Amino acid sequence: ALVPPDPRETDLMVIDEVGRFELQGAVWADQIDRLVTLPHPPMVWTVR
């Protein structure tokens, strides 16, 4: 679900939630790393 989207086919990318496991390099960390290095639409995250 978190594969970097085609910018021509996506208006909004959502990640619920970005937490301590991602900050430790686990769970969705790799997906977030790829998302932020590519052109992306507006994103909404939840973060403690």
All heavy atoms as atom14 arrays in JSON, in Angstrom:
{
  "sequence": "ALVPPDPRETDLMVIDEVGRFELQGAVWADQIDRLVTLPHPPMVWTVR",
  "atom14_mask": [
    [1, 1, 1, 1, 1, 0, 0, 0, 0, 0, 0, 0, 0, 0],
    [1, 1, 1, 1, 1, 1, 1, 1, 0, 0, 0, 0, 0, 0],
    [1, 1, 1, 1, 1, 1, 1, 0, 0, 0, 0, 0, 0, 0],
    [1, 1, 1, 1, 1, 1, 1, 0, 0, 0, 0, 0, 0, 0],
    [1, 1, 1, 1, 1, 1, 1, 0, 0, 0, 0, 0, 0, 0],
    [1, 1, 1, 1, 1, 1, 1, 1, 0, 0, 0, 0, 0, 0],
    [1, 1, 1, 1, 1, 1, 1, 0, 0, 0, 0, 0, 0, 0],
    [1, 1, 1, 1, 1, 1, 1, 1, 1, 1, 1, 0, 0, 0],
    [1, 1, 1, 1, 1, 1, 1, 1, 1, 0, 0, 0, 0, 0],
    [1, 1, 1, 1, 1, 1, 1, 0, 0, 0, 0, 0, 0, 0],
    [1, 1, 1, 1, 1, 1, 1, 1, 0, 0, 0, 0, 0, 0],
    [1, 1, 1, 1, 1, 1, 1, 1, 0, 0, 0, 0, 0, 0],
    [1, 1, 1, 1, 1, 1, 1, 1, 0, 0, 0, 0, 0, 0],
    [1, 1, 1, 1, 1, 1, 1, 0, 0, 0, 0, 0, 0, 0],
    [1, 1, 1, 1, 1, 1, 1, 1, 0, 0, 0, 0, 0, 0],
    [1, 1, 1, 1, 1, 1, 1, 1, 0, 0, 0, 0, 0, 0],
    [1, 1, 1, 1, 1, 1, 1, 1, 1, 0, 0, 0, 0, 0],
    [1, 1, 1, 1, 1, 1, 1, 0, 0, 0, 0, 0, 0, 0],
    [1, 1, 1, 1, 0, 0, 0, 0, 0, 0, 0, 0, 0, 0],
    [1, 1, 1, 1, 1, 1, 1, 1, 1, 1, 1, 0, 0, 0],
    [1, 1, 1, 1, 1, 1, 1, 1, 1, 1, 1, 0, 0, 0],
    [1, 1, 1, 1, 1, 1, 1, 1, 1, 0, 0, 0, 0, 0],
    [1, 1, 1, 1, 1, 1, 1, 1, 0, 0, 0, 0, 0, 0],
    [1, 1, 1, 1, 1, 1, 1, 1, 1, 0, 0, 0, 0, 0],
    [1, 1, 1, 1, 0, 0, 0, 0, 0, 0, 0, 0, 0, 0],
    [1, 1, 1, 1, 1, 0, 0, 0, 0, 0, 0, 0, 0, 0],
    [1, 1, 1, 1, 1, 1, 1, 0, 0, 0, 0, 0, 0, 0],
    [1, 1, 1, 1, 1, 1, 1, 1, 1, 1, 1, 1, 1, 1],
    [1, 1, 1, 1, 1, 0, 0, 0, 0, 0, 0, 0, 0, 0],
    [1, 1, 1, 1, 1, 1, 1, 1, 0, 0, 0, 0, 0, 0],
    [1, 1, 1, 1, 1, 1, 1, 1, 1, 0, 0, 0, 0, 0],
    [1, 1, 1, 1, 1, 1, 1, 1, 0, 0, 0, 0, 0, 0],
    [1, 1, 1, 1, 1, 1, 1, 1, 0, 0, 0, 0, 0, 0],
    [1, 1, 1, 1, 1, 1, 1, 1, 1, 1, 1, 0, 0, 0],
    [1, 1, 1, 1, 1, 1, 1, 1, 0, 0, 0, 0, 0, 0],
    [1, 1, 1, 1, 1, 1, 1, 0, 0, 0, 0, 0, 0, 0],
    [1, 1, 1, 1, 1, 1, 1, 0, 0, 0, 0, 0, 0, 0],
    [1, 1, 1, 1, 1, 1, 1, 1, 0, 0, 0, 0, 0, 0],
    [1, 1, 1, 1, 1, 1, 1, 0, 0, 0, 0, 0, 0, 0],
    [1, 1, 1, 1, 1, 1, 1, 1, 1, 1, 0, 0, 0, 0],
    [1, 1, 1, 1, 1, 1, 1, 0, 0, 0, 0, 0, 0, 0],
    [1, 1, 1, 1, 1, 1, 1, 0, 0, 0, 0, 0, 0, 0],
    [1, 1, 1, 1, 1, 1, 1, 1, 0, 0, 0, 0, 0, 0],
    [1, 1, 1, 1, 1, 1, 1, 0, 0, 0, 0, 0, 0, 0],
    [1, 1, 1, 1, 1, 1, 1, 1, 1, 1, 1, 1, 1, 1],
    [1, 1, 1, 1, 1, 1, 1, 0, 0, 0, 0, 0, 0, 0],
    [1, 1, 1, 1, 1, 1, 1, 0, 0, 0, 0, 0, 0, 0],
    [1, 1, 1, 1, 1, 1, 1, 1, 1, 1, 1, 0, 0, 0]
  ],
  "atom14_positions": [
    [[0.82, -1.22, 0.0], [0.0, 0.0, 0.0], [0.85, 1.26, 0.0], [0.38, 2.32, -0.42], [-0.93, 0.0, 1.21], [0.0, 0.0, 0.0], [0.0, 0.0, 0.0], [0.0, 0.0, 0.0], [0.0, 0.0, 0.0], [0.0, 0.0, 0.0], [0.0, 0.0, 0.0], [0.0, 0.0, 0.0], [0.0, 0.0, 0.0], [0.0, 0.0, 0.0]],
    [[2.1, 1.15, 0.48], [2.97, 2.32, 0.6], [4.05, 2.38, -0.47], [5.02, 3.12, -0.33], [3.61, 2.35, 2.0], [2.63, 2.58, 3.15], [3.33, 2.42, 4.49], [1.98, 3.95, 3.05], [0.0, 0.0, 0.0], [0.0, 0.0, 0.0], [0.0, 0.0, 0.0], [0.0, 0.0, 0.0], [0.0, 0.0, 0.0], [0.0, 0.0, 0.0]],
    [[3.88, 1.61, -1.54], [4.78, 1.74, -2.68], [4.68, 3.18, -3.19], [3.57, 3.73, -3.3], [4.4, 0.74, -3.79], [5.12, 1.07, -5.09], [4.71, -0.68, -3.35], [0.0, 0.0, 0.0], [0.0, 0.0, 0.0], [0.0, 0.0, 0.0], [0.0, 0.0, 0.0], [0.0, 0.0, 0.0], [0.0, 0.0, 0.0], [0.0, 0.0, 0.0]],
    [[5.81, 3.82, -3.49], [5.73, 5.21, -3.99], [4.76, 5.33, -5.15], [4.82, 4.55, -6.1], [7.18, 5.5, -4.43], [8.0, 4.65, -3.52], [7.21, 3.38, -3.34], [0.0, 0.0, 0.0], [0.0, 0.0, 0.0], [0.0, 0.0, 0.0], [0.0, 0.0, 0.0], [0.0, 0.0, 0.0], [0.0, 0.0, 0.0], [0.0, 0.0, 0.0]],
    [[3.82, 6.27, -5.07], [2.76, 6.35, -6.08], [3.22, 7.03, -7.36], [4.19, 7.8, -7.37], [1.71, 7.21, -5.38], [2.52, 8.12, -4.51], [3.67, 7.28, -4.01], [0.0, 0.0, 0.0], [0.0, 0.0, 0.0], [0.0, 0.0, 0.0], [0.0, 0.0, 0.0], [0.0, 0.0, 0.0], [0.0, 0.0, 0.0], [0.0, 0.0, 0.0]],
    [[2.52, 6.74, -8.44], [2.69, 7.5, -9.68], [2.11, 8.89, -9.44], [0.9, 9.02, -9.15], [1.96, 6.8, -10.82], [2.17, 7.48, -12.16], [2.48, 8.69, -12.18], [1.99, 6.82, -13.19], [0.0, 0.0, 0.0], [0.0, 0.0, 0.0], [0.0, 0.0, 0.0], [0.0, 0.0, 0.0], [0.0, 0.0, 0.0], [0.0, 0.0, 0.0]],
    [[2.92, 9.96, -9.51], [2.39, 11.3, -9.23], [1.22, 11.69, -10.12], [0.41, 12.54, -9.75], [3.59, 12.21, -9.47], [4.79, 11.34, -9.3], [4.36, 9.99, -9.81], [0.0, 0.0, 0.0], [0.0, 0.0, 0.0], [0.0, 0.0, 0.0], [0.0, 0.0, 0.0], [0.0, 0.0, 0.0], [0.0, 0.0, 0.0], [0.0, 0.0, 0.0]],
    [[1.11, 11.07, -11.3], [0.02, 11.4, -12.22], [-1.29, 10.75, -11.8], [-2.34, 11.09, -12.32], [0.38, 10.96, -13.63], [1.59, 11.66, -14.22], [2.07, 10.96, -15.46], [2.49, 9.58, -15.16], [2.95, 8.72, -16.07], [3.03, 9.1, -17.34], [3.31, 7.5, -15.72], [0.0, 0.0, 0.0], [0.0, 0.0, 0.0], [0.0, 0.0, 0.0]],
    [[-1.23, 9.79, -10.85], [-2.41, 9.01, -10.5], [-2.78, 9.11, -9.02], [-3.65, 8.39, -8.56], [-2.19, 7.55, -10.89], [-1.96, 7.35, -12.38], [-1.69, 5.9, -12.73], [-1.59, 5.07, -11.8], [-1.58, 5.59, -13.94], [0.0, 0.0, 0.0], [0.0, 0.0, 0.0], [0.0, 0.0, 0.0], [0.0, 0.0, 0.0], [0.0, 0.0, 0.0]],
    [[-2.11, 9.99, -8.28], [-2.35, 10.09, -6.84], [-2.38, 11.55, -6.44], [-1.52, 12.33, -6.85], [-1.23, 9.36, -6.06], [-1.12, 8.02, -6.53], [-1.55, 9.34, -4.57], [0.0, 0.0, 0.0], [0.0, 0.0, 0.0], [0.0, 0.0, 0.0], [0.0, 0.0, 0.0], [0.0, 0.0, 0.0], [0.0, 0.0, 0.0], [0.0, 0.0, 0.0]],
    [[-3.38, 11.91, -5.63], [-3.51, 13.28, -5.14], [-3.07, 13.44, -3.69], [-2.75, 14.55, -3.26], [-4.98, 13.73, -5.22], [-5.5, 13.74, -6.63], [-4.8, 14.27, -7.51], [-6.59, 13.19, -6.87], [0.0, 0.0, 0.0], [0.0, 0.0, 0.0], [0.0, 0.0, 0.0], [0.0, 0.0, 0.0], [0.0, 0.0, 0.0], [0.0, 0.0, 0.0]],
    [[-3.1, 12.33, -2.93], [-2.81, 12.42, -1.5], [-2.25, 11.08, -1.03], [-2.81, 10.03, -1.36], [-4.08, 12.76, -0.72], [-3.93, 13.04, 0.78], [-3.14, 14.34, 1.01], [-5.3, 13.14, 1.45], [0.0, 0.0, 0.0], [0.0, 0.0, 0.0], [0.0, 0.0, 0.0], [0.0, 0.0, 0.0], [0.0, 0.0, 0.0], [0.0, 0.0, 0.0]],
    [[-1.16, 11.13, -0.26], [-0.55, 9.93, 0.3], [-0.66, 10.01, 1.82], [-0.35, 11.04, 2.42], [0.93, 9.86, -0.11], [1.58, 8.53, 0.16], [1.04, 7.29, -1.05], [1.7, 5.79, -0.31], [0.0, 0.0, 0.0], [0.0, 0.0, 0.0], [0.0, 0.0, 0.0], [0.0, 0.0, 0.0], [0.0, 0.0, 0.0], [0.0, 0.0, 0.0]],
    [[-1.12, 8.91, 2.45], [-1.42, 8.9, 3.88], [-0.62, 7.8, 4.57], [-0.58, 6.66, 4.09], [-2.93, 8.66, 4.1], [-3.25, 8.52, 5.6], [-3.74, 9.8, 3.48], [0.0, 0.0, 0.0], [0.0, 0.0, 0.0], [0.0, 0.0, 0.0], [0.0, 0.0, 0.0], [0.0, 0.0, 0.0], [0.0, 0.0, 0.0], [0.0, 0.0, 0.0]],
    [[0.0, 8.13, 5.71], [0.69, 7.13, 6.53], [0.24, 7.3, 7.97], [0.57, 8.29, 8.63], [2.22, 7.24, 6.46], [2.7, 7.3, 5.01], [2.85, 6.05, 7.18], [4.2, 7.51, 4.88], [0.0, 0.0, 0.0], [0.0, 0.0, 0.0], [0.0, 0.0, 0.0], [0.0, 0.0, 0.0], [0.0, 0.0, 0.0], [0.0, 0.0, 0.0]],
    [[-0.48, 6.34, 8.47], [-0.98, 6.31, 9.85], [-0.44, 5.03, 10.5], [-0.94, 3.95, 10.22], [-2.51, 6.29, 9.82], [-3.15, 6.19, 11.19], [-2.55, 6.68, 12.17], [-4.24, 5.59, 11.28], [0.0, 0.0, 0.0], [0.0, 0.0, 0.0], [0.0, 0.0, 0.0], [0.0, 0.0, 0.0], [0.0, 0.0, 0.0], [0.0, 0.0, 0.0]],
    [[0.57, 5.05, 11.37], [1.26, 6.23, 11.81], [2.75, 6.04, 11.61], [3.24, 4.93, 11.39], [0.93, 6.54, 13.28], [1.66, 5.72, 14.32], [1.26, 6.12, 15.75], [0.12, 5.8, 16.12], [2.1, 6.79, 16.4], [0.0, 0.0, 0.0], [0.0, 0.0, 0.0], [0.0, 0.0, 0.0], [0.0, 0.0, 0.0], [0.0, 0.0, 0.0]],
    [[3.49, 7.17, 11.71], [4.95, 7.14, 11.67], [5.42, 7.21, 13.12], [5.19, 8.21, 13.79], [5.5, 8.32, 10.85], [7.02, 8.3, 10.84], [4.94, 8.28, 9.43], [0.0, 0.0, 0.0], [0.0, 0.0, 0.0], [0.0, 0.0, 0.0], [0.0, 0.0, 0.0], [0.0, 0.0, 0.0], [0.0, 0.0, 0.0], [0.0, 0.0, 0.0]],
    [[6.05, 6.14, 13.6], [6.36, 6.06, 15.02], [7.78, 5.62, 15.32], [8.67, 5.69, 14.48], [0.0, 0.0, 0.0], [0.0, 0.0, 0.0], [0.0, 0.0, 0.0], [0.0, 0.0, 0.0], [0.0, 0.0, 0.0], [0.0, 0.0, 0.0], [0.0, 0.0, 0.0], [0.0, 0.0, 0.0], [0.0, 0.0, 0.0], [0.0, 0.0, 0.0]],
    [[7.96, 5.15, 16.54], [9.32, 4.83, 16.99], [9.92, 3.67, 16.24], [11.14, 3.61, 16.05], [9.33, 4.55, 18.5], [8.5, 3.39, 18.97], [8.42, 3.38, 20.49], [7.56, 2.33, 21.0], [8.01, 1.15, 21.41], [9.3, 0.88, 21.37], [7.17, 0.25, 21.88], [0.0, 0.0, 0.0], [0.0, 0.0, 0.0], [0.0, 0.0, 0.0]],
    [[9.07, 2.74, 15.76], [9.64, 1.61, 15.02], [10.22, 2.08, 13.68], [11.29, 1.63, 13.26], [8.59, 0.53, 14.8], [8.0, -0.02, 16.07], [6.64, -0.29, 16.16], [8.79, -0.24, 17.18], [6.09, -0.79, 17.33], [8.26, -0.73, 18.36], [6.9, -1.01, 18.43], [0.0, 0.0, 0.0], [0.0, 0.0, 0.0], [0.0, 0.0, 0.0]],
    [[9.53, 3.0, 13.02], [10.06, 3.56, 11.77], [11.34, 4.35, 12.03], [12.29, 4.28, 11.25], [9.01, 4.46, 11.1], [7.88, 3.71, 10.44], [6.87, 3.12, 11.43], [6.77, 3.66, 12.56], [6.21, 2.14, 11.07], [0.0, 0.0, 0.0], [0.0, 0.0, 0.0], [0.0, 0.0, 0.0], [0.0, 0.0, 0.0], [0.0, 0.0, 0.0]],
    [[11.38, 5.09, 13.13], [12.57, 5.85, 13.47], [13.75, 4.94, 13.8], [14.91, 5.36, 13.71], [12.28, 6.8, 14.64], [11.37, 7.98, 14.29], [10.87, 8.67, 15.55], [12.11, 8.97, 13.39], [0.0, 0.0, 0.0], [0.0, 0.0, 0.0], [0.0, 0.0, 0.0], [0.0, 0.0, 0.0], [0.0, 0.0, 0.0], [0.0, 0.0, 0.0]],
    [[13.46, 3.7, 14.17], [14.5, 2.71, 14.43], [14.86, 1.91, 13.18], [15.66, 0.98, 13.24], [14.05, 1.76, 15.54], [13.9, 2.43, 16.9], [13.13, 1.59, 17.9], [12.64, 0.5, 17.59], [13.03, 2.08, 19.13], [0.0, 0.0, 0.0], [0.0, 0.0, 0.0], [0.0, 0.0, 0.0], [0.0, 0.0, 0.0], [0.0, 0.0, 0.0]],
    [[14.25, 2.26, 12.04], [14.57, 1.59, 10.78], [13.71, 0.39, 10.47], [14.03, -0.38, 9.55], [0.0, 0.0, 0.0], [0.0, 0.0, 0.0], [0.0, 0.0, 0.0], [0.0, 0.0, 0.0], [0.0, 0.0, 0.0], [0.0, 0.0, 0.0], [0.0, 0.0, 0.0], [0.0, 0.0, 0.0], [0.0, 0.0, 0.0], [0.0, 0.0, 0.0]],
    [[12.6, 0.21, 11.2], [11.76, -0.98, 11.02], [10.39, -0.61, 10.43], [10.1, 0.55, 10.16], [11.57, -1.69, 12.36], [0.0, 0.0, 0.0], [0.0, 0.0, 0.0], [0.0, 0.0, 0.0], [0.0, 0.0, 0.0], [0.0, 0.0, 0.0], [0.0, 0.0, 0.0], [0.0, 0.0, 0.0], [0.0, 0.0, 0.0], [0.0, 0.0, 0.0]],
    [[9.56, -1.61, 10.22], [8.18, -1.52, 9.76], [8.11, -0.74, 8.44], [8.43, -1.28, 7.4], [7.24, -0.98, 10.85], [5.77, -1.12, 10.43], [7.44, -1.75, 12.17], [0.0, 0.0, 0.0], [0.0, 0.0, 0.0], [0.0, 0.0, 0.0], [0.0, 0.0, 0.0], [0.0, 0.0, 0.0], [0.0, 0.0, 0.0], [0.0, 0.0, 0.0]],
    [[7.71, 0.57, 8.46], [7.55, 1.3, 7.2], [8.75, 2.18, 6.88], [8.67, 3.02, 5.98], [6.29, 2.18, 7.22], [5.06, 1.55, 7.75], [4.18, 2.1, 8.64], [4.51, 0.26, 7.41], [3.15, 1.23, 8.9], [3.33, 0.09, 8.15], [4.93, -0.77, 6.57], [2.55, -1.06, 8.08], [4.17, -1.93, 6.49], [2.99, -2.07, 7.23]],
    [[9.86, 2.02, 7.57], [11.0, 2.93, 7.39], [11.48, 2.96, 5.94], [11.72, 4.03, 5.37], [12.14, 2.54, 8.32], [0.0, 0.0, 0.0], [0.0, 0.0, 0.0], [0.0, 0.0, 0.0], [0.0, 0.0, 0.0], [0.0, 0.0, 0.0], [0.0, 0.0, 0.0], [0.0, 0.0, 0.0], [0.0, 0.0, 0.0], [0.0, 0.0, 0.0]],
    [[11.65, 1.79, 5.32], [12.15, 1.76, 3.94], [11.17, 2.44, 2.99], [11.59, 3.15, 2.06], [12.38, 0.31, 3.49], [13.59, -0.32, 4.15], [14.4, 0.42, 4.76], [13.74, -1.56, 4.07], [0.0, 0.0, 0.0], [0.0, 0.0, 0.0], [0.0, 0.0, 0.0], [0.0, 0.0, 0.0], [0.0, 0.0, 0.0], [0.0, 0.0, 0.0]],
    [[9.87, 2.23, 3.22], [8.87, 2.84, 2.34], [8.9, 4.37, 2.47], [8.82, 5.09, 1.48], [7.48, 2.3, 2.68], [7.2, 0.9, 2.19], [8.08, -0.16, 2.86], [8.31, -0.12, 4.06], [8.58, -1.09, 2.07], [0.0, 0.0, 0.0], [0.0, 0.0, 0.0], [0.0, 0.0, 0.0], [0.0, 0.0, 0.0], [0.0, 0.0, 0.0]],
    [[9.03, 4.86, 3.71], [9.08, 6.31, 3.91], [10.35, 6.89, 3.29], [10.32, 7.94, 2.64], [8.98, 6.65, 5.4], [7.63, 6.19, 5.97], [9.16, 8.16, 5.62], [7.53, 6.3, 7.47], [0.0, 0.0, 0.0], [0.0, 0.0, 0.0], [0.0, 0.0, 0.0], [0.0, 0.0, 0.0], [0.0, 0.0, 0.0], [0.0, 0.0, 0.0]],
    [[11.47, 6.19, 3.46], [12.72, 6.66, 2.86], [12.56, 6.84, 1.35], [13.04, 7.83, 0.77], [13.86, 5.67, 3.13], [14.35, 5.72, 4.58], [14.0, 6.67, 5.3], [15.09, 4.8, 4.97], [0.0, 0.0, 0.0], [0.0, 0.0, 0.0], [0.0, 0.0, 0.0], [0.0, 0.0, 0.0], [0.0, 0.0, 0.0], [0.0, 0.0, 0.0]],
    [[11.9, 5.89, 0.69], [11.72, 5.99, -0.76], [10.74, 7.11, -1.11], [10.96, 7.86, -2.06], [11.24, 4.65, -1.33], [12.34, 3.61, -1.4], [11.96, 2.47, -2.32], [10.91, 1.64, -1.76], [11.12, 0.59, -0.97], [12.35, 0.26, -0.62], [10.1, -0.12, -0.52], [0.0, 0.0, 0.0], [0.0, 0.0, 0.0], [0.0, 0.0, 0.0]],
    [[9.66, 7.2, -0.34], [8.66, 8.22, -0.63], [9.27, 9.62, -0.61], [8.96, 10.45, -1.47], [7.51, 8.14, 0.37], [6.47, 7.05, 0.15], [5.6, 6.89, 1.38], [5.61, 7.39, -1.07], [0.0, 0.0, 0.0], [0.0, 0.0, 0.0], [0.0, 0.0, 0.0], [0.0, 0.0, 0.0], [0.0, 0.0, 0.0], [0.0, 0.0, 0.0]],
    [[10.08, 9.9, 0.4], [10.56, 11.28, 0.55], [11.69, 11.63, -0.41], [12.03, 12.81, -0.54], [11.01, 11.56, 2.0], [9.87, 11.36, 2.97], [12.22, 10.72, 2.39], [0.0, 0.0, 0.0], [0.0, 0.0, 0.0], [0.0, 0.0, 0.0], [0.0, 0.0, 0.0], [0.0, 0.0, 0.0], [0.0, 0.0, 0.0], [0.0, 0.0, 0.0]],
    [[12.25, 10.64, -1.11], [13.3, 10.94, -2.06], [12.75, 11.15, -3.47], [13.5, 11.56, -4.36], [14.35, 9.82, -2.11], [13.73, 8.59, -2.48], [15.03, 9.67, -0.76], [0.0, 0.0, 0.0], [0.0, 0.0, 0.0], [0.0, 0.0, 0.0], [0.0, 0.0, 0.0], [0.0, 0.0, 0.0], [0.0, 0.0, 0.0], [0.0, 0.0, 0.0]],
    [[11.46, 10.87, -3.67], [10.86, 10.96, -5.0], [9.84, 12.1, -5.04], [9.31, 12.5, -4.0], [10.16, 9.64, -5.34], [11.07, 8.41, -5.44], [10.22, 7.15, -5.55], [12.02, 8.53, -6.62], [0.0, 0.0, 0.0], [0.0, 0.0, 0.0], [0.0, 0.0, 0.0], [0.0, 0.0, 0.0], [0.0, 0.0, 0.0], [0.0, 0.0, 0.0]],
    [[9.51, 12.61, -6.23], [8.4, 13.57, -6.32], [7.13, 12.92, -5.78], [6.8, 11.79, -6.15], [8.3, 13.84, -7.83], [9.63, 13.48, -8.38], [10.12, 12.34, -7.55], [0.0, 0.0, 0.0], [0.0, 0.0, 0.0], [0.0, 0.0, 0.0], [0.0, 0.0, 0.0], [0.0, 0.0, 0.0], [0.0, 0.0, 0.0], [0.0, 0.0, 0.0]],
    [[6.46, 13.62, -4.91], [5.28, 13.02, -4.28], [4.17, 14.06, -4.15], [4.44, 15.26, -4.05], [5.63, 12.45, -2.9], [6.16, 13.47, -1.95], [5.35, 14.35, -1.27], [7.43, 13.77, -1.57], [6.09, 15.14, -0.51], [7.36, 14.81, -0.68], [0.0, 0.0, 0.0], [0.0, 0.0, 0.0], [0.0, 0.0, 0.0], [0.0, 0.0, 0.0]],
    [[2.93, 13.6, -4.1], [1.81, 14.52, -3.85], [1.8, 14.95, -2.39], [2.64, 14.48, -1.59], [0.59, 13.65, -4.19], [1.04, 12.26, -3.87], [2.49, 12.21, -4.28], [0.0, 0.0, 0.0], [0.0, 0.0, 0.0], [0.0, 0.0, 0.0], [0.0, 0.0, 0.0], [0.0, 0.0, 0.0], [0.0, 0.0, 0.0], [0.0, 0.0, 0.0]],
    [[0.89, 15.81, -1.99], [0.76, 16.12, -0.56], [0.62, 14.84, 0.24], [0.03, 13.86, -0.21], [-0.51, 16.97, -0.5], [-0.62, 17.57, -1.86], [-0.09, 16.55, -2.81], [0.0, 0.0, 0.0], [0.0, 0.0, 0.0], [0.0, 0.0, 0.0], [0.0, 0.0, 0.0], [0.0, 0.0, 0.0], [0.0, 0.0, 0.0], [0.0, 0.0, 0.0]],
    [[1.19, 14.86, 1.43], [1.1, 13.7, 2.32], [0.48, 14.1, 3.65], [0.6, 15.25, 4.08], [2.48, 13.07, 2.54], [3.05, 12.4, 1.31], [4.35, 11.19, 1.68], [5.73, 12.28, 2.01], [0.0, 0.0, 0.0], [0.0, 0.0, 0.0], [0.0, 0.0, 0.0], [0.0, 0.0, 0.0], [0.0, 0.0, 0.0], [0.0, 0.0, 0.0]],
    [[-0.16, 13.12, 4.29], [-0.64, 13.29, 5.66], [-0.09, 12.14, 6.49], [-0.27, 10.98, 6.13], [-2.18, 13.29, 5.75], [-2.62, 13.51, 7.2], [-2.8, 14.34, 4.83], [0.0, 0.0, 0.0], [0.0, 0.0, 0.0], [0.0, 0.0, 0.0], [0.0, 0.0, 0.0], [0.0, 0.0, 0.0], [0.0, 0.0, 0.0], [0.0, 0.0, 0.0]],
    [[0.62, 12.47, 7.56], [1.13, 11.48, 8.5], [0.46, 11.7, 9.85], [0.0, 12.8, 10.16], [2.62, 11.63, 8.72], [3.5, 11.44, 7.53], [3.13, 11.16, 6.24], [4.93, 11.55, 7.51], [4.22, 11.07, 5.43], [5.35, 11.3, 6.18], [5.91, 11.82, 8.47], [6.7, 11.33, 5.8], [7.24, 11.84, 8.1], [7.63, 11.59, 6.78]],
    [[0.41, 10.65, 10.66], [0.15, 10.84, 12.08], [1.43, 10.47, 12.82], [2.11, 9.51, 12.49], [-1.02, 9.97, 12.61], [-0.73, 8.58, 12.41], [-2.31, 10.32, 11.88], [0.0, 0.0, 0.0], [0.0, 0.0, 0.0], [0.0, 0.0, 0.0], [0.0, 0.0, 0.0], [0.0, 0.0, 0.0], [0.0, 0.0, 0.0], [0.0, 0.0, 0.0]],
    [[1.76, 11.3, 13.82], [3.0, 11.12, 14.59], [2.71, 11.47, 16.05], [2.1, 12.52, 16.32], [4.13, 12.02, 14.06], [5.4, 11.86, 14.9], [4.43, 11.72, 12.59], [0.0, 0.0, 0.0], [0.0, 0.0, 0.0], [0.0, 0.0, 0.0], [0.0, 0.0, 0.0], [0.0, 0.0, 0.0], [0.0, 0.0, 0.0], [0.0, 0.0, 0.0]],
    [[3.14, 10.64, 16.96], [2.96, 10.95, 18.37], [3.75, 12.22, 18.72], [4.84, 12.44, 18.22], [3.43, 9.76, 19.23], [2.93, 9.82, 20.67], [3.18, 8.52, 21.38], [2.43, 7.42, 20.76], [2.44, 6.18, 21.24], [3.16, 5.89, 22.32], [1.73, 5.24, 20.64], [0.0, 0.0, 0.0], [0.0, 0.0, 0.0], [0.0, 0.0, 0.0]]
  ]
}
